[in-house]
Protein backbone atom coordinates (compact mmCIF):
# COMPACT_ATOMS: atom_id res chain seq x y z
CA UNK A 1 -8.73 -3.09 -21.10
CA UNK A 2 -9.21 0.41 -21.73
CA UNK A 3 -7.92 3.34 -20.05
CA UNK A 4 -10.95 4.72 -17.35
CA UNK A 5 -9.81 7.96 -17.32
CA UNK A 6 -7.46 8.19 -20.48
CA UNK A 7 -9.49 11.71 -20.92
CA UNK A 8 -8.08 13.57 -18.07
CA UNK A 9 -4.83 11.77 -18.69
CA UNK A 10 -3.97 12.18 -21.88
CA UNK A 11 -3.33 9.01 -24.33
CA UNK A 12 0.07 8.52 -24.08
CA UNK A 13 2.61 5.30 -25.45
CA UNK A 14 4.50 2.89 -24.03
CA UNK A 15 8.75 2.94 -25.59
CA UNK A 16 9.74 -0.25 -25.51
CA UNK A 17 13.57 -0.54 -25.88
CA UNK A 18 14.65 -4.46 -27.96
CA UNK A 19 17.68 -5.90 -25.68
CA UNK A 20 18.90 -9.78 -25.88
CA UNK A 21 18.64 -11.20 -23.11
CA UNK A 22 20.05 -15.00 -23.18
CA UNK A 23 19.95 -15.01 -27.76
CA UNK A 24 16.82 -13.97 -26.92
CA UNK A 25 15.76 -10.45 -28.11
CA UNK A 26 13.01 -9.40 -25.61
CA UNK A 27 11.41 -5.40 -25.48
CA UNK A 28 12.18 -3.81 -21.86
CA UNK A 29 10.11 -1.57 -20.88
CA UNK A 30 11.82 2.33 -20.67
CA UNK A 31 9.04 4.59 -20.12
CA UNK A 32 5.76 6.46 -21.68
CA UNK A 33 5.53 8.87 -24.22
CA UNK A 34 2.63 11.39 -24.19
CA UNK A 35 0.72 11.86 -27.77
CA UNK A 36 -1.89 14.23 -26.76
CA UNK A 37 -1.83 16.57 -23.58
CA UNK A 38 -5.21 15.75 -20.93
CA UNK A 39 -7.58 18.00 -19.47
CA UNK A 40 -5.81 17.87 -16.00
CA UNK A 41 -1.60 18.39 -16.14
CA UNK A 42 0.56 15.55 -14.40
CA UNK A 43 0.53 16.56 -10.51
CA UNK A 44 -2.55 16.93 -10.59
CA UNK A 45 -3.75 13.91 -12.55
CA UNK A 46 -1.48 11.97 -9.43
CA UNK A 47 -3.33 14.09 -6.89
CA UNK A 48 -6.61 12.76 -8.25
CA UNK A 49 -6.06 9.29 -8.33
CA UNK A 50 -4.35 9.02 -5.40
CA UNK A 51 -7.90 10.66 -3.81
CA UNK A 52 -9.63 8.08 -5.97
CA UNK A 53 -7.46 5.23 -4.12
CA UNK A 54 -7.95 6.47 -1.31
CA UNK A 55 -11.75 6.67 -0.73
CA UNK A 56 -11.65 3.34 -2.38
CA UNK A 57 -9.98 1.67 0.31
CA UNK A 58 -11.75 2.78 2.68
CA UNK A 59 -15.09 2.84 1.36
CA UNK A 60 -13.56 -1.36 1.24
CA UNK A 61 -13.06 -1.34 5.39
CA UNK A 62 -14.42 1.84 6.46
CA UNK A 63 -14.22 -0.28 10.47
CA UNK A 64 -10.26 -0.97 9.42
CA UNK A 65 -8.95 3.26 11.67
CA UNK A 66 -11.66 1.22 14.91
CA UNK A 67 -9.85 -2.45 13.97
CA UNK A 68 -6.33 -0.33 14.74
CA UNK A 69 -7.45 1.03 17.08
CA UNK A 70 -9.11 -2.41 19.37
CA UNK A 71 -5.12 -4.04 18.03
CA UNK A 72 -3.72 -1.98 19.75
CA UNK A 73 -5.55 -1.89 23.05
CA UNK A 74 -4.94 -5.38 22.68
CA UNK A 75 -1.76 -5.75 22.42
CA UNK A 76 -1.35 -3.41 25.31
CA UNK A 77 -3.41 -4.48 27.63
CA UNK A 78 -0.88 -7.98 26.82
CA UNK A 79 2.06 -6.33 27.13
CA UNK A 80 0.58 -5.11 31.00
CA UNK A 81 -0.42 -8.70 31.85
CA UNK A 82 2.38 -10.56 30.38
CA UNK A 83 4.67 -9.11 33.04
CA UNK A 84 2.19 -9.51 35.63
CA UNK A 85 2.21 -12.85 34.90
CA UNK A 86 5.85 -13.02 34.63
CA UNK A 87 5.80 -10.97 38.20
CA UNK A 88 3.38 -13.64 39.90
CA UNK A 89 5.34 -16.57 38.59
CA UNK A 90 8.56 -15.08 40.24
CA UNK A 91 6.84 -14.99 43.25
CA UNK A 92 4.76 -18.18 43.14
CA UNK A 93 8.72 -19.72 41.94
CA UNK A 94 10.78 -18.46 44.84
CA UNK A 95 10.36 -20.54 47.72
CA UNK A 96 10.73 -23.48 45.16
CA UNK A 97 14.79 -23.32 44.82
């Protein structure tokens, strides 16, 4: 699949090194070589891609913040309920011993 943002990043080529592993030659990725500069600097491109990824993640599940907030509330409630149930169990069984 072609790189959709290649004009912003610029053209790059993979640098591969041939290494012998268990008697077979394999190519190992070592880095990128810039062929032509894009319209953005590396820092601007990284910032733009980070913003795009964050937006797409939010669009994929916009209710995530609400779900996390409700989950924290449920866990706090369960923690308090466990303490109450533990003390109530101790009160019921204190005469049995």
